[in-house]
Amino acid sequence: MVSAERRRLGSTLGAGAGVAVDMASPPVASAAPRADSQRAANFEAARQASALRAVRSLSDSIASDSRGGSARRVGTRSFVQVDGVWTDVRLNAPNPPSRVTRVRPYGAAYFALLRALPELREPFALGDRVRVAGREAVIEVSPQGAETLPAGEIAALARGW
């Protein structure tokens, strides 16, 4: 009965050294998983705050949150990566251009467009799959795109860009 009472109230070990041990409290090691989860939560909150500081516009914020993909700002344009395609967020606006011209990466049409529209250099540098919106047309870089385009079509794209 005395040992049960000692366990309930706690006991003092090394009374000469003045070290008290509470036998009823849980081990200190159980606090470690809580501390790890708190650290992980703090890290995630800091990561999200950093991403929000990097956002330069509301459309960047909406794009990165709603799509779950990556977002990048290139010059004056914002892009989100969805299913491996970097897409100009202007295509999410009401009434985006309906005319789409597809060109193969690094083909003759690709370089002809870069000569006619130098502002495409930065967006095209995102990768081999990019969709960029202009005023009247969308230019899509895709492995299924055209190798060449007639000079008249390139001139029309440049005029309507």
C-alpha atoms as a PDB file:
ATOM      1  CA  MET A   1       0.000   0.000   0.000  1.00  0.00           C
ATOM      2  CA  VAL A   2       2.843   2.385   0.753  1.00  0.00           C
ATOM      3  CA  SER A   3       4.409   1.903  -2.703  1.00  0.00           C
ATOM      4  CA  ALA A   4       1.038   2.548  -4.412  1.00  0.00           C
ATOM      5  CA  GLU A   5       0.689   5.758  -2.407  1.00  0.00           C
ATOM      6  CA  ARG A   6       4.237   6.791  -3.394  1.00  0.00           C
ATOM      7  CA  ARG A   7       3.454   6.208  -7.105  1.00  0.00           C
ATOM      8  CA  ARG A   8       0.282   8.249  -6.807  1.00  0.00           C
ATOM      9  CA  LEU A   9       1.968  11.185  -5.081  1.00  0.00           C
ATOM     10  CA  GLY A  10       5.375  10.837  -6.681  1.00  0.00           C
ATOM     11  CA  SER A  11       8.597  10.032  -4.956  1.00  0.00           C
ATOM     12  CA  THR A  12      11.865  11.709  -4.301  1.00  0.00           C
ATOM     13  CA  LEU A  13      14.971   9.973  -5.550  1.00  0.00           C
ATOM     14  CA  GLY A  14      18.330  11.015  -4.297  1.00  0.00           C
ATOM     15  CA  ALA A  15      16.857  13.030  -1.457  1.00  0.00           C
ATOM     16  CA  GLY A  16      20.331  14.147  -0.471  1.00  0.00           C
ATOM     17  CA  ALA A  17      20.822  15.662  -3.950  1.00  0.00           C
ATOM     18  CA  GLY A  18      17.412  17.318  -3.899  1.00  0.00           C
ATOM     19  CA  VAL A  19      16.210  15.743  -7.160  1.00  0.00           C
ATOM     20  CA  ALA A  20      12.442  15.248  -7.290  1.00  0.00           C
ATOM     21  CA  VAL A  21      10.813  12.888  -9.773  1.00  0.00           C
ATOM     22  CA  ASP A  22       7.078  12.888 -10.376  1.00  0.00           C
ATOM     23  CA  MET A  23       6.146   9.280 -11.100  1.00  0.00           C
ATOM     24  CA  ALA A  24       2.586  10.227 -12.181  1.00  0.00           C
ATOM     25  CA  SER A  25       3.555  12.551 -15.084  1.00  0.00           C
ATOM     26  CA  PRO A  26       4.158  11.234 -18.631  1.00  0.00           C
ATOM     27  CA  PRO A  27       7.717  10.981 -19.949  1.00  0.00           C
ATOM     28  CA  VAL A  28       9.251  14.122 -21.449  1.00  0.00           C
ATOM     29  CA  ALA A  29       9.955  12.303 -24.756  1.00  0.00           C
ATOM     30  CA  SER A  30       6.251  12.489 -25.689  1.00  0.00           C
ATOM     31  CA  ALA A  31       6.606  16.262 -26.216  1.00  0.00           C
ATOM     32  CA  ALA A  32       9.051  15.715 -29.105  1.00  0.00           C
ATOM     33  CA  PRO A  33       6.453  14.669 -31.714  1.00  0.00           C
ATOM     34  CA  ARG A  34       4.362  17.729 -30.832  1.00  0.00           C
ATOM     35  CA  ALA A  35       7.412  19.968 -31.190  1.00  0.00           C
ATOM     36  CA  ASP A  36       8.246  18.405 -34.582  1.00  0.00           C
ATOM     37  CA  SER A  37       4.707  18.902 -35.858  1.00  0.00           C
ATOM     38  CA  GLN A  38       4.731  22.499 -34.581  1.00  0.00           C
ATOM     39  CA  ARG A  39       8.053  23.105 -36.360  1.00  0.00           C
ATOM     40  CA  ALA A  40       6.619  21.657 -39.576  1.00  0.00           C
ATOM     41  CA  ALA A  41       3.515  23.846 -39.262  1.00  0.00           C
ATOM     42  CA  ASN A  42       5.688  26.926 -38.641  1.00  0.00           C
ATOM     43  CA  PHE A  43       7.866  26.083 -41.641  1.00  0.00           C
ATOM     44  CA  GLU A  44       4.815  25.649 -43.902  1.00  0.00           C
ATOM     45  CA  ALA A  45       3.351  28.964 -42.706  1.00  0.00           C
ATOM     46  CA  ALA A  46       6.665  30.715 -43.414  1.00  0.00           C
ATOM     47  CA  ARG A  47       6.854  29.119 -46.879  1.00  0.00           C
ATOM     48  CA  GLN A  48       3.342  30.300 -47.733  1.00  0.00           C
ATOM     49  CA  ALA A  49       4.089  33.803 -46.422  1.00  0.00           C
ATOM     50  CA  SER A  50       7.207  33.918 -48.600  1.00  0.00           C
ATOM     51  CA  ALA A  51       5.186  32.864 -51.657  1.00  0.00           C
ATOM     52  CA  LEU A  52       2.627  35.572 -50.939  1.00  0.00           C
ATOM     53  CA  ARG A  53       5.360  38.208 -50.653  1.00  0.00           C
ATOM     54  CA  ALA A  54       6.632  37.136 -54.094  1.00  0.00           C
ATOM     55  CA  VAL A  55       3.200  37.600 -55.693  1.00  0.00           C
ATOM     56  CA  ARG A  56       3.065  40.851 -57.606  1.00  0.00           C
ATOM     57  CA  SER A  57      -0.592  40.853 -58.531  1.00  0.00           C
ATOM     58  CA  LEU A  58      -3.916  39.361 -57.582  1.00  0.00           C
ATOM     59  CA  SER A  59      -3.927  37.225 -60.718  1.00  0.00           C
ATOM     60  CA  ASP A  60      -0.624  35.630 -59.633  1.00  0.00           C
ATOM     61  CA  SER A  61      -2.147  34.800 -56.271  1.00  0.00           C
ATOM     62  CA  ILE A  62      -5.329  33.351 -57.738  1.00  0.00           C
ATOM     63  CA  ALA A  63      -3.424  31.369 -60.341  1.00  0.00           C
ATOM     64  CA  SER A  64      -0.998  29.801 -57.896  1.00  0.00           C
ATOM     65  CA  ASP A  65      -3.711  28.955 -55.366  1.00  0.00           C
ATOM     66  CA  SER A  66      -6.468  27.642 -57.631  1.00  0.00           C
ATOM     67  CA  ARG A  67      -4.403  25.580 -60.013  1.00  0.00           C
ATOM     68  CA  GLY A  68      -2.018  24.011 -57.554  1.00  0.00           C
ATOM     69  CA  GLY A  69       0.780  24.454 -60.090  1.00  0.00           C
ATOM     70  CA  SER A  70       3.800  26.702 -60.273  1.00  0.00           C
ATOM     71  CA  ALA A  71       3.512  30.378 -61.102  1.00  0.00           C
ATOM     72  CA  ARG A  72       6.087  32.661 -62.703  1.00  0.00           C
ATOM     73  CA  ARG A  73       6.234  36.289 -63.638  1.00  0.00           C
ATOM     74  CA  VAL A  74       8.014  36.959 -66.940  1.00  0.00           C
ATOM     75  CA  GLY A  75       8.360  40.626 -67.855  1.00  0.00           C
ATOM     76  CA  THR A  76       4.844  42.069 -67.680  1.00  0.00           C
ATOM     77  CA  ARG A  77       3.162  38.677 -67.968  1.00  0.00           C
ATOM     78  CA  SER A  78       2.235  36.051 -65.414  1.00  0.00           C
ATOM     79  CA  PHE A  79       2.236  32.349 -66.218  1.00  0.00           C
ATOM     80  CA  VAL A  80       0.998  29.249 -64.428  1.00  0.00           C
ATOM     81  CA  GLN A  81       2.175  25.745 -65.177  1.00  0.00           C
ATOM     82  CA  VAL A  82      -0.669  23.303 -65.610  1.00  0.00           C
ATOM     83  CA  ASP A  83      -0.042  19.769 -66.860  1.00  0.00           C
ATOM     84  CA  GLY A  84       3.441  20.779 -68.003  1.00  0.00           C
ATOM     85  CA  VAL A  85       2.282  23.784 -70.076  1.00  0.00           C
ATOM     86  CA  TRP A  86       3.215  27.335 -69.070  1.00  0.00           C
ATOM     87  CA  THR A  87       0.011  29.286 -69.720  1.00  0.00           C
ATOM     88  CA  ASP A  88      -0.385  33.063 -69.813  1.00  0.00           C
ATOM     89  CA  VAL A  89      -2.923  34.021 -67.109  1.00  0.00           C
ATOM     90  CA  ARG A  90      -4.480  36.453 -69.600  1.00  0.00           C
ATOM     91  CA  LEU A  91      -6.095  33.397 -71.159  1.00  0.00           C
ATOM     92  CA  ASN A  92      -8.248  33.130 -68.015  1.00  0.00           C
ATOM     93  CA  ALA A  93      -9.664  36.620 -68.590  1.00  0.00           C
ATOM     94  CA  PRO A  94     -13.109  37.096 -70.120  1.00  0.00           C
ATOM     95  CA  ASN A  95     -13.040  36.889 -73.931  1.00  0.00           C
ATOM     96  CA  PRO A  96      -9.500  35.568 -74.531  1.00  0.00           C
ATOM     97  CA  PRO A  97      -8.341  35.433 -78.161  1.00  0.00           C
ATOM     98  CA  SER A  98      -9.809  32.443 -79.974  1.00  0.00           C
ATOM     99  CA  ARG A  99      -7.230  32.176 -82.788  1.00  0.00           C
ATOM    100  CA  VAL A 100      -4.451  29.786 -81.777  1.00  0.00           C
ATOM    101  CA  THR A 101      -1.226  29.337 -83.751  1.00  0.00           C
ATOM    102  CA  ARG A 102       0.886  26.343 -82.746  1.00  0.00           C
ATOM    103  CA  VAL A 103       4.595  26.207 -83.524  1.00  0.00           C
ATOM    104  CA  ARG A 104       7.176  23.512 -82.845  1.00  0.00           C
ATOM    105  CA  PRO A 105       9.895  24.517 -80.377  1.00  0.00           C
ATOM    106  CA  TYR A 106      13.112  25.630 -82.085  1.00  0.00           C
ATOM    107  CA  GLY A 107      11.640  25.186 -85.568  1.00  0.00           C
ATOM    108  CA  ALA A 108      11.811  27.757 -88.372  1.00  0.00           C
ATOM    109  CA  ALA A 109       8.396  29.223 -87.389  1.00  0.00           C
ATOM    110  CA  TYR A 110       9.522  29.562 -83.757  1.00  0.00           C
ATOM    111  CA  PHE A 111      12.546  31.665 -84.717  1.00  0.00           C
ATOM    112  CA  ALA A 112      10.574  33.650 -87.309  1.00  0.00           C
ATOM    113  CA  LEU A 113       8.096  34.610 -84.568  1.00  0.00           C
ATOM    114  CA  LEU A 114      10.941  35.632 -82.258  1.00  0.00           C
ATOM    115  CA  ARG A 115      12.327  37.902 -85.008  1.00  0.00           C
ATOM    116  CA  ALA A 116       8.883  39.424 -85.672  1.00  0.00           C
ATOM    117  CA  LEU A 117       7.870  39.656 -81.981  1.00  0.00           C
ATOM    118  CA  PRO A 118      10.978  40.055 -79.772  1.00  0.00           C
ATOM    119  CA  GLU A 119       8.734  40.339 -76.685  1.00  0.00           C
ATOM    120  CA  LEU A 120       8.126  36.582 -76.999  1.00  0.00           C
ATOM    121  CA  ARG A 121      11.746  35.781 -76.064  1.00  0.00           C
ATOM    122  CA  GLU A 122      11.143  35.771 -72.311  1.00  0.00           C
ATOM    123  CA  PRO A 123       7.909  33.730 -72.392  1.00  0.00           C
ATOM    124  CA  PHE A 124       9.394  31.234 -74.869  1.00  0.00           C
ATOM    125  CA  ALA A 125      12.376  30.815 -72.521  1.00  0.00           C
ATOM    126  CA  LEU A 126      10.045  29.145 -69.989  1.00  0.00           C
ATOM    127  CA  GLY A 127      10.265  25.856 -71.891  1.00  0.00           C
ATOM    128  CA  ASP A 128       9.090  23.725 -74.787  1.00  0.00           C
ATOM    129  CA  ARG A 129       5.385  24.002 -73.917  1.00  0.00           C
ATOM    130  CA  VAL A 130       4.136  27.588 -73.584  1.00  0.00           C
ATOM    131  CA  ARG A 131       0.854  29.423 -74.383  1.00  0.00           C
ATOM    132  CA  VAL A 132       1.114  33.216 -74.747  1.00  0.00           C
ATOM    133  CA  ALA A 133      -1.877  35.515 -75.280  1.00  0.00           C
ATOM    134  CA  GLY A 134      -1.768  38.540 -77.564  1.00  0.00           C
ATOM    135  CA  ARG A 135      -4.537  41.004 -78.442  1.00  0.00           C
ATOM    136  CA  GLU A 136      -5.970  38.913 -81.274  1.00  0.00           C
ATOM    137  CA  ALA A 137      -4.229  35.551 -81.090  1.00  0.00           C
ATOM    138  CA  VAL A 138      -2.635  32.937 -78.878  1.00  0.00           C
ATOM    139  CA  ILE A 139       0.758  31.509 -79.782  1.00  0.00           C
ATOM    140  CA  GLU A 140       1.375  28.039 -78.445  1.00  0.00           C
ATOM    141  CA  VAL A 141       4.770  26.354 -78.445  1.00  0.00           C
ATOM    142  CA  SER A 142       4.131  22.633 -78.632  1.00  0.00           C
ATOM    143  CA  PRO A 143       5.817  19.505 -80.012  1.00  0.00           C
ATOM    144  CA  GLN A 144       2.708  19.110 -82.220  1.00  0.00           C
ATOM    145  CA  GLY A 145       3.115  22.637 -83.648  1.00  0.00           C
ATOM    146  CA  ALA A 146       4.021  23.671 -87.184  1.00  0.00           C
ATOM    147  CA  GLU A 147       7.644  23.607 -88.274  1.00  0.00           C
ATOM    148  CA  THR A 148       7.136  26.528 -90.659  1.00  0.00           C
ATOM    149  CA  LEU A 149       4.546  29.280 -91.151  1.00  0.00           C
ATOM    150  CA  PRO A 150       3.909  31.392 -94.244  1.00  0.00           C
ATOM    151  CA  ALA A 151       5.446  34.883 -94.052  1.00  0.00           C
ATOM    152  CA  GLY A 152       1.973  36.404 -94.399  1.00  0.00           C
ATOM    153  CA  GLU A 153       0.725  34.556 -91.321  1.00  0.00           C
ATOM    154  CA  ILE A 154       3.717  35.699 -89.271  1.00  0.00           C
ATOM    155  CA  ALA A 155       3.138  39.298 -90.418  1.00  0.00           C
ATOM    156  CA  ALA A 156      -0.561  39.037 -89.488  1.00  0.00           C
ATOM    157  CA  LEU A 157       0.323  37.697 -86.030  1.00  0.00           C
ATOM    158  CA  ALA A 158       2.757  40.562 -85.511  1.00  0.00           C
ATOM    159  CA  ARG A 159       0.140  43.160 -86.553  1.00  0.00           C
ATOM    160  CA  GLY A 160      -2.493  41.695 -84.233  1.00  0.00           C
ATOM    161  CA  TRP A 161      -0.175  41.131 -81.339  1.00  0.00           C
END
